C-alpha atoms as a PDB file:
ATOM      1  CA  MET A   1     -31.902  26.314   3.643  1.00  0.00           C
ATOM      2  CA  LYS A   2     -32.721  22.984   1.648  1.00  0.00           C
ATOM      3  CA  SER A   3     -31.117  19.444   2.229  1.00  0.00           C
ATOM      4  CA  THR A   4     -29.726  19.206  -1.205  1.00  0.00           C
ATOM      5  CA  SER A   5     -27.917  22.938  -0.403  1.00  0.00           C
ATOM      6  CA  PHE A   6     -26.504  20.742   2.966  1.00  0.00           C
ATOM      7  CA  LYS A   7     -25.190  17.998   0.648  1.00  0.00           C
ATOM      8  CA  ASN A   8     -23.716  20.471  -1.624  1.00  0.00           C
ATOM      9  CA  PHE A   9     -22.139  21.942   1.280  1.00  0.00           C
ATOM     10  CA  ILE A  10     -20.737  18.409   2.649  1.00  0.00           C
ATOM     11  CA  ALA A  11     -19.397  17.117  -0.569  1.00  0.00           C
ATOM     12  CA  ALA A  12     -17.584  20.851  -1.306  1.00  0.00           C
ATOM     13  CA  ALA A  13     -15.693  20.788   2.370  1.00  0.00           C
ATOM     14  CA  ALA A  14     -15.241  17.027   1.616  1.00  0.00           C
ATOM     15  CA  THR A  15     -13.729  17.731  -1.308  1.00  0.00           C
ATOM     16  CA  VAL A  16     -11.512  20.400   0.311  1.00  0.00           C
ATOM     17  CA  LEU A  17     -10.032  17.363   2.049  1.00  0.00           C
ATOM     18  CA  VAL A  18      -9.635  15.198  -0.811  1.00  0.00           C
ATOM     19  CA  SER A  19      -5.904  14.785  -2.551  1.00  0.00           C
ATOM     20  CA  VAL A  20      -5.395  17.278  -5.289  1.00  0.00           C
ATOM     21  CA  GLY A  21      -4.283  14.725  -7.476  1.00  0.00           C
ATOM     22  CA  ALA A  22      -0.619  12.979  -7.292  1.00  0.00           C
ATOM     23  CA  GLN A  23       1.730  13.072 -10.292  1.00  0.00           C
ATOM     24  CA  ALA A  24       3.549   9.695 -10.239  1.00  0.00           C
ATOM     25  CA  THR A  25       7.330  10.158 -11.171  1.00  0.00           C
ATOM     26  CA  VAL A  26      10.025   6.953 -11.860  1.00  0.00           C
ATOM     27  CA  ILE A  27      13.793   8.313 -11.636  1.00  0.00           C
ATOM     28  CA  ASP A  28      15.541   5.883 -13.699  1.00  0.00           C
ATOM     29  CA  PHE A  29      18.076   8.273 -14.396  1.00  0.00           C
ATOM     30  CA  GLU A  30      18.479   7.762 -17.966  1.00  0.00           C
ATOM     31  CA  SER A  31      18.129  10.874 -19.492  1.00  0.00           C
ATOM     32  CA  THR A  32      20.266  12.327 -17.066  1.00  0.00           C
ATOM     33  CA  GLY A  33      23.645  10.034 -17.311  1.00  0.00           C
ATOM     34  CA  THR A  34      26.530  10.364 -19.372  1.00  0.00           C
ATOM     35  CA  PRO A  35      27.862   7.706 -21.616  1.00  0.00           C
ATOM     36  CA  ARG A  36      30.622   5.603 -20.747  1.00  0.00           C
ATOM     37  CA  ASN A  37      31.422   8.160 -17.311  1.00  0.00           C
ATOM     38  CA  TYR A  38      29.783   9.059 -14.407  1.00  0.00           C
ATOM     39  CA  ASN A  39      28.617  12.817 -13.366  1.00  0.00           C
ATOM     40  CA  SER A  40      27.680  14.330  -9.941  1.00  0.00           C
ATOM     41  CA  LEU A  41      23.808  14.716  -9.530  1.00  0.00           C
ATOM     42  CA  ASN A  42      24.039  18.194  -8.962  1.00  0.00           C
ATOM     43  CA  TYR A  43      21.151  19.136 -10.880  1.00  0.00           C
ATOM     44  CA  GLU A  44      17.157  18.794 -10.741  1.00  0.00           C
ATOM     45  CA  ILE A  45      15.871  15.536 -12.218  1.00  0.00           C
ATOM     46  CA  ASP A  46      11.810  15.183 -12.623  1.00  0.00           C
ATOM     47  CA  GLY A  47      11.370  17.938  -9.698  1.00  0.00           C
ATOM     48  CA  PHE A  48      13.523  16.418  -7.231  1.00  0.00           C
ATOM     49  CA  VAL A  49      17.061  16.977  -6.237  1.00  0.00           C
ATOM     50  CA  PHE A  50      19.652  14.712  -4.925  1.00  0.00           C
ATOM     51  CA  ASN A  51      22.717  15.421  -2.271  1.00  0.00           C
ATOM     52  CA  GLN A  52      26.119  15.891  -2.932  1.00  0.00           C
ATOM     53  CA  THR A  53      27.404  12.127  -2.327  1.00  0.00           C
ATOM     54  CA  MET A  54      25.304  10.552  -5.185  1.00  0.00           C
ATOM     55  CA  ASP A  55      26.432  10.277  -8.850  1.00  0.00           C
ATOM     56  CA  ASN A  56      24.440   9.463 -11.959  1.00  0.00           C
ATOM     57  CA  ILE A  57      26.714   6.267 -13.471  1.00  0.00           C
ATOM     58  CA  ASP A  58      27.225   4.369 -16.924  1.00  0.00           C
ATOM     59  CA  LEU A  59      26.617   0.708 -15.906  1.00  0.00           C
ATOM     60  CA  SER A  60      26.239  -0.325 -19.766  1.00  0.00           C
ATOM     61  CA  SER A  61      28.285  -3.165 -20.981  1.00  0.00           C
ATOM     62  CA  GLY A  62      30.667  -0.627 -23.075  1.00  0.00           C
ATOM     63  CA  SER A  63      31.591   1.078 -19.812  1.00  0.00           C
ATOM     64  CA  SER A  64      34.454   1.103 -17.134  1.00  0.00           C
ATOM     65  CA  TRP A  65      31.854  -0.043 -14.437  1.00  0.00           C
ATOM     66  CA  ALA A  66      29.912  -2.821 -16.340  1.00  0.00           C
ATOM     67  CA  GLY A  67      30.858  -5.284 -13.824  1.00  0.00           C
ATOM     68  CA  HIS A  68      29.102  -3.565 -11.178  1.00  0.00           C
ATOM     69  CA  GLY A  69      25.867  -3.373 -13.109  1.00  0.00           C
ATOM     70  CA  PRO A  70      23.793  -4.184 -15.047  1.00  0.00           C
ATOM     71  CA  ALA A  71      21.248  -1.052 -14.060  1.00  0.00           C
ATOM     72  CA  HIS A  72      18.034  -2.407 -12.711  1.00  0.00           C
ATOM     73  CA  SER A  73      16.472  -0.690 -16.016  1.00  0.00           C
ATOM     74  CA  GLY A  74      18.162   1.035 -18.861  1.00  0.00           C
ATOM     75  CA  SER A  75      21.961   1.603 -18.736  1.00  0.00           C
ATOM     76  CA  PHE A  76      22.856   3.829 -15.790  1.00  0.00           C
ATOM     77  CA  ALA A  77      21.984   4.339 -12.417  1.00  0.00           C
ATOM     78  CA  ALA A  78      22.707   6.212  -9.283  1.00  0.00           C
ATOM     79  CA  LEU A  79      25.548   5.923  -6.675  1.00  0.00           C
ATOM     80  CA  ASN A  80      26.482   6.473  -3.730  1.00  0.00           C
ATOM     81  CA  ASN A  81      30.107   7.979  -3.882  1.00  0.00           C
ATOM     82  CA  TYR A  82      32.605   7.759  -0.962  1.00  0.00           C
ATOM     83  CA  TYR A  83      30.000   5.751   1.009  1.00  0.00           C
ATOM     84  CA  GLY A  84      27.937   8.838   1.508  1.00  0.00           C
ATOM     85  CA  ILE A  85      24.632   8.787   2.613  1.00  0.00           C
ATOM     86  CA  GLY A  86      21.934   9.625  -0.292  1.00  0.00           C
ATOM     87  CA  GLU A  87      19.106  11.895   0.471  1.00  0.00           C
ATOM     88  CA  ILE A  88      16.575  13.079  -2.151  1.00  0.00           C
ATOM     89  CA  THR A  89      14.663  16.457  -1.919  1.00  0.00           C
ATOM     90  CA  LYS A  90      11.461  18.119  -3.780  1.00  0.00           C
ATOM     91  CA  ALA A  91      13.300  20.963  -5.824  1.00  0.00           C
ATOM     92  CA  GLY A  92      11.921  24.350  -4.286  1.00  0.00           C
ATOM     93  CA  GLY A  93      11.265  22.194  -0.987  1.00  0.00           C
ATOM     94  CA  GLY A  94       7.727  21.135  -0.172  1.00  0.00           C
ATOM     95  CA  THR A  95       6.114  17.467   0.373  1.00  0.00           C
ATOM     96  CA  PHE A  96       6.543  14.652  -1.602  1.00  0.00           C
ATOM     97  CA  SER A  97       5.380  11.009  -0.921  1.00  0.00           C
ATOM     98  CA  PHE A  98       7.898   7.623  -1.388  1.00  0.00           C
ATOM     99  CA  GLU A  99       6.532   4.503  -3.138  1.00  0.00           C
ATOM    100  CA  SER A 100       9.395   2.234  -4.326  1.00  0.00           C
ATOM    101  CA  LEU A 101      13.000   1.983  -5.247  1.00  0.00           C
ATOM    102  CA  TRP A 102      15.706  -0.410  -5.600  1.00  0.00           C
ATOM    103  CA  LEU A 103      19.005  -1.358  -4.519  1.00  0.00           C
ATOM    104  CA  LYS A 104      22.086  -3.050  -5.716  1.00  0.00           C
ATOM    105  CA  SER A 105      25.264  -3.421  -3.638  1.00  0.00           C
ATOM    106  CA  TRP A 106      28.293  -1.694  -5.684  1.00  0.00           C
ATOM    107  CA  TYR A 107      30.802  -4.991  -4.679  1.00  0.00           C
ATOM    108  CA  ASN A 108      28.432  -7.610  -5.123  1.00  0.00           C
ATOM    109  CA  GLN A 109      28.433  -8.374  -1.285  1.00  0.00           C
ATOM    110  CA  GLN A 110      25.370  -8.886   0.933  1.00  0.00           C
ATOM    111  CA  ILE A 111      24.904  -5.419   2.984  1.00  0.00           C
ATOM    112  CA  SER A 112      22.250  -3.464   4.830  1.00  0.00           C
ATOM    113  CA  GLY A 113      20.482  -0.696   4.116  1.00  0.00           C
ATOM    114  CA  THR A 114      17.622   1.674   5.687  1.00  0.00           C
ATOM    115  CA  ILE A 115      15.408   3.954   3.759  1.00  0.00           C
ATOM    116  CA  THR A 116      13.815   6.531   5.738  1.00  0.00           C
ATOM    117  CA  GLY A 117      11.155   9.512   5.326  1.00  0.00           C
ATOM    118  CA  LEU A 118      11.510  12.664   6.808  1.00  0.00           C
ATOM    119  CA  PHE A 119       9.430  15.766   7.447  1.00  0.00           C
ATOM    120  CA  GLN A 120      11.504  18.459   9.114  1.00  0.00           C
ATOM    121  CA  GLY A 121      14.107  16.038  10.804  1.00  0.00           C
ATOM    122  CA  ALA A 122      11.743  13.837  12.442  1.00  0.00           C
ATOM    123  CA  GLU A 123      10.873  10.500  11.108  1.00  0.00           C
ATOM    124  CA  VAL A 124       7.933   9.503   9.252  1.00  0.00           C
ATOM    125  CA  GLY A 125       8.593   6.192   8.082  1.00  0.00           C
ATOM    126  CA  SER A 126      11.231   3.639   7.772  1.00  0.00           C
ATOM    127  CA  ILE A 127      11.957   0.350   6.061  1.00  0.00           C
ATOM    128  CA  SER A 128      15.546  -1.748   6.491  1.00  0.00           C
ATOM    129  CA  GLY A 129      16.551  -5.029   4.711  1.00  0.00           C
ATOM    130  CA  VAL A 130      19.557  -6.824   3.283  1.00  0.00           C
ATOM    131  CA  PHE A 131      20.569  -7.313  -0.321  1.00  0.00           C
ATOM    132  CA  ASN A 132      23.082  -8.030  -2.809  1.00  0.00           C
ATOM    133  CA  GLY A 133      21.701  -8.154  -6.423  1.00  0.00           C
ATOM    134  CA  TRP A 134      18.810  -5.434  -7.456  1.00  0.00           C
ATOM    135  CA  THR A 135      16.321  -5.827  -4.408  1.00  0.00           C
ATOM    136  CA  LEU A 136      12.921  -3.812  -4.194  1.00  0.00           C
ATOM    137  CA  PHE A 137      12.166  -1.556  -1.387  1.00  0.00           C
ATOM    138  CA  SER A 138       8.748  -0.564  -0.919  1.00  0.00           C
ATOM    139  CA  GLY A 139       7.045   1.802   1.389  1.00  0.00           C
ATOM    140  CA  ASN A 140       4.233   4.331   1.778  1.00  0.00           C
ATOM    141  CA  PHE A 141       5.642   7.922   3.150  1.00  0.00           C
ATOM    142  CA  THR A 142       3.755  10.772   2.461  1.00  0.00           C
ATOM    143  CA  GLY A 143       4.093  13.944   3.209  1.00  0.00           C
ATOM    144  CA  ILE A 144       8.211  14.003   3.624  1.00  0.00           C
ATOM    145  CA  ASP A 145      10.493  16.560   2.867  1.00  0.00           C
ATOM    146  CA  THR A 146      13.252  14.307   2.682  1.00  0.00           C
ATOM    147  CA  LEU A 147      13.974  10.877   1.964  1.00  0.00           C
ATOM    148  CA  ARG A 148      17.188   9.310   2.987  1.00  0.00           C
ATOM    149  CA  ILE A 149      18.761   6.196   1.752  1.00  0.00           C
ATOM    150  CA  SER A 150      21.475   4.733   4.413  1.00  0.00           C
ATOM    151  CA  THR A 151      23.785   1.600   3.835  1.00  0.00           C
ATOM    152  CA  SER A 152      26.733  -0.262   5.307  1.00  0.00           C
ATOM    153  CA  SER A 153      28.650   0.102   1.863  1.00  0.00           C
ATOM    154  CA  VAL A 154      28.514   1.457  -1.495  1.00  0.00           C
ATOM    155  CA  PHE A 155      25.282   1.208  -3.258  1.00  0.00           C
ATOM    156  CA  LEU A 156      23.335   1.414  -6.872  1.00  0.00           C
ATOM    157  CA  VAL A 157      19.970   3.285  -6.492  1.00  0.00           C
ATOM    158  CA  ASP A 158      17.559   3.017  -9.884  1.00  0.00           C
ATOM    159  CA  ASP A 159      13.832   3.338 -10.913  1.00  0.00           C
ATOM    160  CA  ILE A 160      12.921   5.346  -8.087  1.00  0.00           C
ATOM    161  CA  SER A 161       8.832   5.921  -7.976  1.00  0.00           C
ATOM    162  CA  LEU A 162       7.633   9.188  -6.076  1.00  0.00           C
ATOM    163  CA  ASP A 163       4.836  11.324  -5.876  1.00  0.00           C
ATOM    164  CA  SER A 164       5.838  14.609  -6.264  1.00  0.00           C
ATOM    165  CA  VAL A 165       2.163  16.238  -5.038  1.00  0.00           C
ATOM    166  CA  VAL A 166       1.044  15.651  -1.938  1.00  0.00           C
ATOM    167  CA  SER A 167      -2.209  17.293  -0.096  1.00  0.00           C
ATOM    168  CA  PRO A 168      -1.730  19.814   1.788  1.00  0.00           C
ATOM    169  CA  VAL A 169      -2.042  19.254   5.676  1.00  0.00           C
ATOM    170  CA  PRO A 170      -5.655  20.942   6.152  1.00  0.00           C
ATOM    171  CA  GLU A 171      -5.673  24.062   8.015  1.00  0.00           C
ATOM    172  CA  PRO A 172      -7.897  24.064  11.384  1.00  0.00           C
ATOM    173  CA  GLU A 173     -10.552  26.236   9.867  1.00  0.00           C
ATOM    174  CA  THR A 174     -10.969  23.206   7.282  1.00  0.00           C
ATOM    175  CA  TYR A 175     -12.006  21.205   9.864  1.00  0.00           C
ATOM    176  CA  ALA A 176     -14.032  23.687  11.539  1.00  0.00           C
ATOM    177  CA  LEU A 177     -15.623  24.295   8.433  1.00  0.00           C
ATOM    178  CA  LEU A 178     -16.862  20.502   7.962  1.00  0.00           C
ATOM    179  CA  LEU A 179     -17.625  19.730  11.458  1.00  0.00           C
ATOM    180  CA  ALA A 180     -19.900  23.329  10.974  1.00  0.00           C
ATOM    181  CA  GLY A 181     -21.493  21.793   7.918  1.00  0.00           C
ATOM    182  CA  LEU A 182     -22.062  18.180   9.709  1.00  0.00           C
ATOM    183  CA  ALA A 183     -24.097  19.844  12.425  1.00  0.00           C
ATOM    184  CA  LEU A 184     -26.402  21.879  10.212  1.00  0.00           C
ATOM    185  CA  VAL A 185     -27.212  18.382   8.280  1.00  0.00           C
ATOM    186  CA  GLY A 186     -27.693  16.755  11.623  1.00  0.00           C
ATOM    187  CA  VAL A 187     -30.090  19.565  12.705  1.00  0.00           C
ATOM    188  CA  ALA A 188     -32.098  19.298   9.697  1.00  0.00           C
ATOM    189  CA  ALA A 189     -32.360  16.040   9.735  1.00  0.00           C
ATOM    190  CA  ARG A 190     -33.777  16.052  13.068  1.00  0.00           C
ATOM    191  CA  ARG A 191     -36.091  18.850  12.350  1.00  0.00           C
ATOM    192  CA  ARG A 192     -37.426  16.718   8.992  1.00  0.00           C
ATOM    193  CA  LYS A 193     -38.160  13.726  11.388  1.00  0.00           C
ATOM    194  CA  GLN A 194     -39.840  15.738  13.836  1.00  0.00           C
ATOM    195  CA  ARG A 195     -42.013  16.975  11.195  1.00  0.00           C
ATOM    196  CA  GLU A 196     -42.522  13.524   9.689  1.00  0.00           C
ATOM    197  CA  MET A 197     -43.605  12.196  13.014  1.00  0.00           C
ATOM    198  CA  ALA A 198     -45.821  15.346  13.799  1.00  0.00           C
ATOM    199  CA  ALA A 199     -48.014  14.556  10.493  1.00  0.00           C
END
């Protein structure tokens, strides 16, 4: 086997470990809101679903809730009705990553909040802070199946940035294949060096 074949083998094995590509999604609630009203977020938005405590609410100047707004962008945001914990999962299951979101207090008072990324119930990452007006919470949680938003009072959330496709965790066989390829490249390099020294 020639050394270029080894290189091609390693390149192919390494490609298996690289991300299949992420589809960035920013959920802004504009396309699913009801003008001058609110509605339960019991439907899929851009490949994601929200738990039953979350509502989509119109915060524009003509709505009944304009005094609690404005939205971070546009006219609509999500509200954790009844003080509940907000949760986001991928429609149909699977993993995703969290980049950022904007939080605002419903009652325009300073409250605390925690954003947690979970995988099968175990914490992957968490960020906490206090906020009143629109505040950016940024994280880098990858390979999560649930994003949880927990605060000390009623909150608004808007412009949630998620990646809907995350690389699967490589199988043990993939690692074995890569290690075998690296070992073969090492053997070939050593033989070549021995031939050059003998010449």
